[in-house]
Amino acid sequence: MTTGVIEQLNTLAGSGEPGQISLMQAKVADLSLSTLDERMVNQIRAMPGVKSVSPMLLGFEMTPEMPFLMIGGWIPTAAR
């Protein structure tokens, strides 16, 4: 299940599409554990050759009633 979730997260983040790059925190096992400062968005957007930047928010929750819940989202106006 873990491998499937990681693959799905990478697909959602666009890492499998030509010309799309997903950034993640250094020295972190996978995208689902990565945290980047939101201020990096404008720095990346200003780089030569960058057409768009789409920040992604991802969260996990575990409760006795719901052993695994994944919540994700993008800014509605962001390119994907």
PDB file of N, CA and C in Angstrom:
ATOM      1  N   MET A   1       0.814  -1.183   0.000  1.00  0.00           N
ATOM      2  CA  MET A   1       0.000   0.000   0.000  1.00  0.00           C
ATOM      3  C   MET A   1       0.867   1.261   0.000  1.00  0.00           C
ATOM      4  N   THR A   2       1.932   1.235   0.776  1.00  0.00           N
ATOM      5  CA  THR A   2       2.806   2.406   0.861  1.00  0.00           C
ATOM      6  C   THR A   2       3.388   2.757  -0.493  1.00  0.00           C
ATOM      7  N   THR A   3       3.850   1.765  -1.226  1.00  0.00           N
ATOM      8  CA  THR A   3       4.422   2.010  -2.545  1.00  0.00           C
ATOM      9  C   THR A   3       3.386   2.635  -3.463  1.00  0.00           C
ATOM     10  N   GLY A   4       2.154   2.147  -3.414  1.00  0.00           N
ATOM     11  CA  GLY A   4       1.083   2.702  -4.240  1.00  0.00           C
ATOM     12  C   GLY A   4       0.783   4.145  -3.894  1.00  0.00           C
ATOM     13  N   VAL A   5       0.765   4.469  -2.603  1.00  0.00           N
ATOM     14  CA  VAL A   5       0.505   5.847  -2.177  1.00  0.00           C
ATOM     15  C   VAL A   5       1.625   6.760  -2.661  1.00  0.00           C
ATOM     16  N   ILE A   6       2.865   6.343  -2.509  1.00  0.00           N
ATOM     17  CA  ILE A   6       4.005   7.157  -2.959  1.00  0.00           C
ATOM     18  C   ILE A   6       3.938   7.380  -4.465  1.00  0.00           C
ATOM     19  N   GLU A   7       3.637   6.331  -5.233  1.00  0.00           N
ATOM     20  CA  GLU A   7       3.526   6.476  -6.682  1.00  0.00           C
ATOM     21  C   GLU A   7       2.401   7.429  -7.053  1.00  0.00           C
ATOM     22  N   GLN A   8       1.272   7.335  -6.365  1.00  0.00           N
ATOM     23  CA  GLN A   8       0.140   8.225  -6.636  1.00  0.00           C
ATOM     24  C   GLN A   8       0.495   9.676  -6.312  1.00  0.00           C
ATOM     25  N   LEU A   9       1.191   9.901  -5.211  1.00  0.00           N
ATOM     26  CA  LEU A   9       1.604  11.261  -4.853  1.00  0.00           C
ATOM     27  C   LEU A   9       2.536  11.841  -5.906  1.00  0.00           C
ATOM     28  N   ASN A  10       3.473  11.037  -6.371  1.00  0.00           N
ATOM     29  CA  ASN A  10       4.392  11.506  -7.400  1.00  0.00           C
ATOM     30  C   ASN A  10       3.653  11.823  -8.691  1.00  0.00           C
ATOM     31  N   THR A  11       2.653  11.025  -9.044  1.00  0.00           N
ATOM     32  CA  THR A  11       1.847  11.294 -10.229  1.00  0.00           C
ATOM     33  C   THR A  11       1.064  12.588 -10.060  1.00  0.00           C
ATOM     34  N   LEU A  12       0.443  12.778  -8.900  1.00  0.00           N
ATOM     35  CA  LEU A  12      -0.307  14.004  -8.634  1.00  0.00           C
ATOM     36  C   LEU A  12       0.585  15.230  -8.708  1.00  0.00           C
ATOM     37  N   ALA A  13       1.820  15.085  -8.271  1.00  0.00           N
ATOM     38  CA  ALA A  13       2.754  16.212  -8.267  1.00  0.00           C
ATOM     39  C   ALA A  13       3.338  16.492  -9.643  1.00  0.00           C
ATOM     40  N   GLY A  14       3.067  15.628 -10.614  1.00  0.00           N
ATOM     41  CA  GLY A  14       3.526  15.880 -11.976  1.00  0.00           C
ATOM     42  C   GLY A  14       4.919  15.386 -12.270  1.00  0.00           C
ATOM     43  N   SER A  15       5.503  14.595 -11.397  1.00  0.00           N
ATOM     44  CA  SER A  15       6.883  14.168 -11.616  1.00  0.00           C
ATOM     45  C   SER A  15       7.018  13.195 -12.779  1.00  0.00           C
ATOM     46  N   GLY A  16       5.923  12.653 -13.269  1.00  0.00           N
ATOM     47  CA  GLY A  16       5.992  11.711 -14.377  1.00  0.00           C
ATOM     48  C   GLY A  16       5.750  12.341 -15.737  1.00  0.00           C
ATOM     49  N   GLU A  17       5.426  13.604 -15.799  1.00  0.00           N
ATOM     50  CA  GLU A  17       5.106  14.279 -17.046  1.00  0.00           C
ATOM     51  C   GLU A  17       6.349  14.937 -17.642  1.00  0.00           C
ATOM     52  N   PRO A  18       6.507  14.894 -18.972  1.00  0.00           N
ATOM     53  CA  PRO A  18       7.653  15.557 -19.613  1.00  0.00           C
ATOM     54  C   PRO A  18       7.644  17.061 -19.330  1.00  0.00           C
ATOM     55  N   GLY A  19       8.780  17.583 -18.957  1.00  0.00           N
ATOM     56  CA  GLY A  19       8.921  19.010 -18.710  1.00  0.00           C
ATOM     57  C   GLY A  19       8.454  19.478 -17.348  1.00  0.00           C
ATOM     58  N   GLN A  20       7.914  18.585 -16.536  1.00  0.00           N
ATOM     59  CA  GLN A  20       7.468  18.954 -15.201  1.00  0.00           C
ATOM     60  C   GLN A  20       8.463  18.438 -14.178  1.00  0.00           C
ATOM     61  N   ILE A  21       8.715  19.251 -13.174  1.00  0.00           N
ATOM     62  CA  ILE A  21       9.676  18.899 -12.137  1.00  0.00           C
ATOM     63  C   ILE A  21       9.004  19.050 -10.783  1.00  0.00           C
ATOM     64  N   SER A  22       9.171  18.067  -9.931  1.00  0.00           N
ATOM     65  CA  SER A  22       8.683  18.158  -8.556  1.00  0.00           C
ATOM     66  C   SER A  22       9.875  18.395  -7.648  1.00  0.00           C
ATOM     67  N   LEU A  23       9.743  19.347  -6.749  1.00  0.00           N
ATOM     68  CA  LEU A  23      10.808  19.637  -5.800  1.00  0.00           C
ATOM     69  C   LEU A  23      10.417  19.110  -4.437  1.00  0.00           C
ATOM     70  N   MET A  24      11.394  18.595  -3.725  1.00  0.00           N
ATOM     71  CA  MET A  24      11.133  18.139  -2.367  1.00  0.00           C
ATOM     72  C   MET A  24      12.322  18.450  -1.474  1.00  0.00           C
ATOM     73  N   GLN A  25      12.083  18.418  -0.212  1.00  0.00           N
ATOM     74  CA  GLN A  25      13.089  18.699   0.803  1.00  0.00           C
ATOM     75  C   GLN A  25      14.250  17.718   0.686  1.00  0.00           C
ATOM     76  N   ALA A  26      15.465  18.214   0.880  1.00  0.00           N
ATOM     77  CA  ALA A  26      16.655  17.367   0.847  1.00  0.00           C
ATOM     78  C   ALA A  26      16.657  16.394   2.019  1.00  0.00           C
ATOM     79  N   LYS A  27      17.209  15.232   1.797  1.00  0.00           N
ATOM     80  CA  LYS A  27      17.405  14.203   2.820  1.00  0.00           C
ATOM     81  C   LYS A  27      16.087  13.710   3.428  1.00  0.00           C
ATOM     82  N   VAL A  28      15.034  13.662   2.595  1.00  0.00           N
ATOM     83  CA  VAL A  28      13.732  13.145   3.015  1.00  0.00           C
ATOM     84  C   VAL A  28      13.422  11.948   2.131  1.00  0.00           C
ATOM     85  N   ALA A  29      12.853  10.909   2.707  1.00  0.00           N
ATOM     86  CA  ALA A  29      12.654   9.639   2.002  1.00  0.00           C
ATOM     87  C   ALA A  29      11.754   9.743   0.773  1.00  0.00           C
ATOM     88  N   ASP A  30      10.663  10.496   0.845  1.00  0.00           N
ATOM     89  CA  ASP A  30       9.779  10.615  -0.309  1.00  0.00           C
ATOM     90  C   ASP A  30       8.971  11.909  -0.241  1.00  0.00           C
ATOM     91  N   LEU A  31       8.271  12.192  -1.326  1.00  0.00           N
ATOM     92  CA  LEU A  31       7.528  13.438  -1.475  1.00  0.00           C
ATOM     93  C   LEU A  31       6.505  13.649  -0.365  1.00  0.00           C
ATOM     94  N   SER A  32       5.906  12.586   0.122  1.00  0.00           N
ATOM     95  CA  SER A  32       4.860  12.722   1.143  1.00  0.00           C
ATOM     96  C   SER A  32       5.398  13.231   2.485  1.00  0.00           C
ATOM     97  N   LEU A  33       6.695  13.168   2.687  1.00  0.00           N
ATOM     98  CA  LEU A  33       7.309  13.624   3.941  1.00  0.00           C
ATOM     99  C   LEU A  33       8.026  14.967   3.799  1.00  0.00           C
ATOM    100  N   SER A  34       8.010  15.521   2.596  1.00  0.00           N
ATOM    101  CA  SER A  34       8.758  16.734   2.304  1.00  0.00           C
ATOM    102  C   SER A  34       8.016  18.001   2.741  1.00  0.00           C
ATOM    103  N   THR A  35       8.769  18.971   3.231  1.00  0.00           N
ATOM    104  CA  THR A  35       8.231  20.282   3.575  1.00  0.00           C
ATOM    105  C   THR A  35       9.134  21.347   2.968  1.00  0.00           C
ATOM    106  N   LEU A  36       8.546  22.242   2.195  1.00  0.00           N
ATOM    107  CA  LEU A  36       9.288  23.359   1.619  1.00  0.00           C
ATOM    108  C   LEU A  36       8.639  24.656   2.054  1.00  0.00           C
ATOM    109  N   ASP A  37       9.440  25.690   2.221  1.00  0.00           N
ATOM    110  CA  ASP A  37       8.950  26.997   2.618  1.00  0.00           C
ATOM    111  C   ASP A  37       8.125  27.600   1.477  1.00  0.00           C
ATOM    112  N   GLU A  38       6.945  28.073   1.802  1.00  0.00           N
ATOM    113  CA  GLU A  38       6.040  28.651   0.806  1.00  0.00           C
ATOM    114  C   GLU A  38       6.663  29.836   0.065  1.00  0.00           C
ATOM    115  N   ARG A  39       7.602  30.518   0.696  1.00  0.00           N
ATOM    116  CA  ARG A  39       8.254  31.667   0.059  1.00  0.00           C
ATOM    117  C   ARG A  39       9.094  31.262  -1.149  1.00  0.00           C
ATOM    118  N   MET A  40       9.409  29.976  -1.273  1.00  0.00           N
ATOM    119  CA  MET A  40      10.198  29.498  -2.409  1.00  0.00           C
ATOM    120  C   MET A  40       9.427  29.601  -3.728  1.00  0.00           C
ATOM    121  N   VAL A  41       8.111  29.647  -3.655  1.00  0.00           N
ATOM    122  CA  VAL A  41       7.288  29.685  -4.870  1.00  0.00           C
ATOM    123  C   VAL A  41       7.684  30.855  -5.759  1.00  0.00           C
ATOM    124  N   ASN A  42       7.763  32.046  -5.211  1.00  0.00           N
ATOM    125  CA  ASN A  42       8.127  33.215  -6.016  1.00  0.00           C
ATOM    126  C   ASN A  42       9.567  33.153  -6.501  1.00  0.00           C
ATOM    127  N   GLN A  43      10.459  32.578  -5.702  1.00  0.00           N
ATOM    128  CA  GLN A  43      11.855  32.435  -6.130  1.00  0.00           C
ATOM    129  C   GLN A  43      11.941  31.499  -7.335  1.00  0.00           C
ATOM    130  N   ILE A  44      11.209  30.403  -7.286  1.00  0.00           N
ATOM    131  CA  ILE A  44      11.217  29.443  -8.392  1.00  0.00           C
ATOM    132  C   ILE A  44      10.538  30.047  -9.615  1.00  0.00           C
ATOM    133  N   ARG A  45       9.415  30.715  -9.397  1.00  0.00           N
ATOM    134  CA  ARG A  45       8.658  31.346 -10.488  1.00  0.00           C
ATOM    135  C   ARG A  45       9.532  32.355 -11.239  1.00  0.00           C
ATOM    136  N   ALA A  46      10.467  33.018 -10.554  1.00  0.00           N
ATOM    137  CA  ALA A  46      11.330  34.044 -11.164  1.00  0.00           C
ATOM    138  C   ALA A  46      12.511  33.454 -11.940  1.00  0.00           C
ATOM    139  N   MET A  47      12.733  32.162 -11.855  1.00  0.00           N
ATOM    140  CA  MET A  47      13.863  31.538 -12.549  1.00  0.00           C
ATOM    141  C   MET A  47      13.618  31.510 -14.058  1.00  0.00           C
ATOM    142  N   PRO A  48      14.677  31.730 -14.853  1.00  0.00           N
ATOM    143  CA  PRO A  48      14.543  31.698 -16.312  1.00  0.00           C
ATOM    144  C   PRO A  48      14.024  30.325 -16.773  1.00  0.00           C
ATOM    145  N   GLY A  49      13.091  30.340 -17.702  1.00  0.00           N
ATOM    146  CA  GLY A  49      12.569  29.104 -18.268  1.00  0.00           C
ATOM    147  C   GLY A  49      11.399  28.483 -17.511  1.00  0.00           C
ATOM    148  N   VAL A  50      11.085  28.996 -16.331  1.00  0.00           N
ATOM    149  CA  VAL A  50       9.967  28.456 -15.555  1.00  0.00           C
ATOM    150  C   VAL A  50       8.676  29.098 -16.056  1.00  0.00           C
ATOM    151  N   LYS A  51       7.747  28.264 -16.522  1.00  0.00           N
ATOM    152  CA  LYS A  51       6.477  28.773 -17.056  1.00  0.00           C
ATOM    153  C   LYS A  51       5.426  28.899 -15.968  1.00  0.00           C
ATOM    154  N   SER A  52       5.411  27.980 -15.026  1.00  0.00           N
ATOM    155  CA  SER A  52       4.420  28.051 -13.951  1.00  0.00           C
ATOM    156  C   SER A  52       4.914  27.252 -12.745  1.00  0.00           C
ATOM    157  N   VAL A  53       4.350  27.587 -11.593  1.00  0.00           N
ATOM    158  CA  VAL A  53       4.660  26.898 -10.333  1.00  0.00           C
ATOM    159  C   VAL A  53       3.334  26.570  -9.670  1.00  0.00           C
ATOM    160  N   SER A  54       3.175  25.331  -9.247  1.00  0.00           N
ATOM    161  CA  SER A  54       1.922  24.885  -8.627  1.00  0.00           C
ATOM    162  C   SER A  54       2.207  24.268  -7.266  1.00  0.00           C
ATOM    163  N   PRO A  55       2.155  25.051  -6.189  1.00  0.00           N
ATOM    164  CA  PRO A  55       2.385  24.489  -4.858  1.00  0.00           C
ATOM    165  C   PRO A  55       1.297  23.472  -4.513  1.00  0.00           C
ATOM    166  N   MET A  56       1.667  22.462  -3.778  1.00  0.00           N
ATOM    167  CA  MET A  56       0.731  21.419  -3.372  1.00  0.00           C
ATOM    168  C   MET A  56       0.795  21.260  -1.857  1.00  0.00           C
ATOM    169  N   LEU A  57      -0.360  21.166  -1.234  1.00  0.00           N
ATOM    170  CA  LEU A  57      -0.450  20.937   0.202  1.00  0.00           C
ATOM    171  C   LEU A  57      -0.942  19.515   0.414  1.00  0.00           C
ATOM    172  N   LEU A  58      -0.317  18.817   1.332  1.00  0.00           N
ATOM    173  CA  LEU A  58      -0.669  17.430   1.575  1.00  0.00           C
ATOM    174  C   LEU A  58      -0.679  17.178   3.071  1.00  0.00           C
ATOM    175  N   GLY A  59      -1.688  16.480   3.537  1.00  0.00           N
ATOM    176  CA  GLY A  59      -1.769  16.167   4.956  1.00  0.00           C
ATOM    177  C   GLY A  59      -2.295  14.762   5.179  1.00  0.00           C
ATOM    178  N   PHE A  60      -1.936  14.204   6.294  1.00  0.00           N
ATOM    179  CA  PHE A  60      -2.384  12.869   6.672  1.00  0.00           C
ATOM    180  C   PHE A  60      -3.013  12.937   8.053  1.00  0.00           C
ATOM    181  N   GLU A  61      -4.007  12.122   8.263  1.00  0.00           N
ATOM    182  CA  GLU A  61      -4.660  12.065   9.565  1.00  0.00           C
ATOM    183  C   GLU A  61      -4.994  10.610   9.886  1.00  0.00           C
ATOM    184  N   MET A  62      -4.826  10.242  11.133  1.00  0.00           N
ATOM    185  CA  MET A  62      -5.181   8.902  11.596  1.00  0.00           C
ATOM    186  C   MET A  62      -6.022   9.031  12.852  1.00  0.00           C
ATOM    187  N   THR A  63      -7.163   8.352  12.868  1.00  0.00           N
ATOM    188  CA  THR A  63      -8.021   8.299  14.042  1.00  0.00           C
ATOM    189  C   THR A  63      -8.499   6.861  14.198  1.00  0.00           C
ATOM    190  N   PRO A  64      -9.044   6.507  15.335  1.00  0.00           N
ATOM    191  CA  PRO A  64      -9.577   5.142  15.481  1.00  0.00           C
ATOM    192  C   PRO A  64     -10.661   4.832  14.438  1.00  0.00           C
ATOM    193  N   GLU A  65     -11.453   5.829  14.070  1.00  0.00           N
ATOM    194  CA  GLU A  65     -12.510   5.621  13.084  1.00  0.00           C
ATOM    195  C   GLU A  65     -11.989   5.619  11.651  1.00  0.00           C
ATOM    196  N   MET A  66     -10.902   6.322  11.403  1.00  0.00           N
ATOM    197  CA  MET A  66     -10.336   6.449  10.067  1.00  0.00           C
ATOM    198  C   MET A  66      -8.836   6.195  10.165  1.00  0.00           C
ATOM    199  N   PRO A  67      -8.394   4.952   9.945  1.00  0.00           N
ATOM    200  CA  PRO A  67      -6.975   4.633  10.158  1.00  0.00           C
ATOM    201  C   PRO A  67      -6.016   5.357   9.216  1.00  0.00           C
ATOM    202  N   PHE A  68      -6.504   5.792   8.046  1.00  0.00           N
ATOM    203  CA  PHE A  68      -5.610   6.498   7.130  1.00  0.00           C
ATOM    204  C   PHE A  68      -6.437   7.417   6.242  1.00  0.00           C
ATOM    205  N   LEU A  69      -6.226   8.711   6.368  1.00  0.00           N
ATOM    206  CA  LEU A  69      -6.914   9.693   5.539  1.00  0.00           C
ATOM    207  C   LEU A  69      -5.864  10.631   4.972  1.00  0.00           C
ATOM    208  N   MET A  70      -5.866  10.770   3.656  1.00  0.00           N
ATOM    209  CA  MET A  70      -4.921  11.664   2.988  1.00  0.00           C
ATOM    210  C   MET A  70      -5.707  12.823   2.390  1.00  0.00           C
ATOM    211  N   ILE A  71      -5.261  14.031   2.658  1.00  0.00           N
ATOM    212  CA  ILE A  71      -5.911  15.237   2.153  1.00  0.00           C
ATOM    213  C   ILE A  71      -4.877  16.021   1.354  1.00  0.00           C
ATOM    214  N   GLY A  72      -5.248  16.417   0.161  1.00  0.00           N
ATOM    215  CA  GLY A  72      -4.330  17.187  -0.665  1.00  0.00           C
ATOM    216  C   GLY A  72      -5.057  18.311  -1.364  1.00  0.00           C
ATOM    217  N   GLY A  73      -4.310  19.313  -1.782  1.00  0.00           N
ATOM    218  CA  GLY A  73      -4.941  20.405  -2.495  1.00  0.00           C
ATOM    219  C   GLY A  73      -3.943  21.329  -3.151  1.00  0.00           C
ATOM    220  N   TRP A  74      -4.459  22.086  -4.098  1.00  0.00           N
ATOM    221  CA  TRP A  74      -3.695  23.092  -4.809  1.00  0.00           C
ATOM    222  C   TRP A  74      -4.420  24.412  -4.710  1.00  0.00           C
ATOM    223  N   ILE A  75      -3.739  25.492  -4.990  1.00  0.00           N
ATOM    224  CA  ILE A  75      -4.378  26.790  -5.129  1.00  0.00           C
ATOM    225  C   ILE A  75      -5.259  26.712  -6.384  1.00  0.00           C
ATOM    226  N   PRO A  76      -6.532  27.066  -6.308  1.00  0.00           N
ATOM    227  CA  PRO A  76      -7.442  26.873  -7.444  1.00  0.00           C
ATOM    228  C   PRO A  76      -6.972  27.500  -8.748  1.00  0.00           C
ATOM    229  N   THR A  77      -6.249  28.612  -8.689  1.00  0.00           N
ATOM    230  CA  THR A  77      -5.798  29.286  -9.908  1.00  0.00           C
ATOM    231  C   THR A  77      -4.433  28.797 -10.407  1.00  0.00           C
ATOM    232  N   ALA A  78      -3.806  27.872  -9.665  1.00  0.00           N
ATOM    233  CA  ALA A  78      -2.462  27.390 -10.035  1.00  0.00           C
ATOM    234  C   ALA A  78      -2.543  26.444 -11.238  1.00  0.00           C
ATOM    235  N   ALA A  79      -1.559  26.526 -12.105  1.00  0.00           N
ATOM    236  CA  ALA A  79      -1.478  25.603 -13.239  1.00  0.00           C
ATOM    237  C   ALA A  79      -1.136  24.214 -12.746  1.00  0.00           C
ATOM    238  N   ARG A  80      -1.666  23.202 -13.413  1.00  0.00           N
ATOM    239  CA  ARG A  80      -1.348  21.807 -13.058  1.00  0.00           C
ATOM    240  C   ARG A  80      -1.067  21.034 -14.295  1.00  0.00           C
TER     241      ARG A  80
END
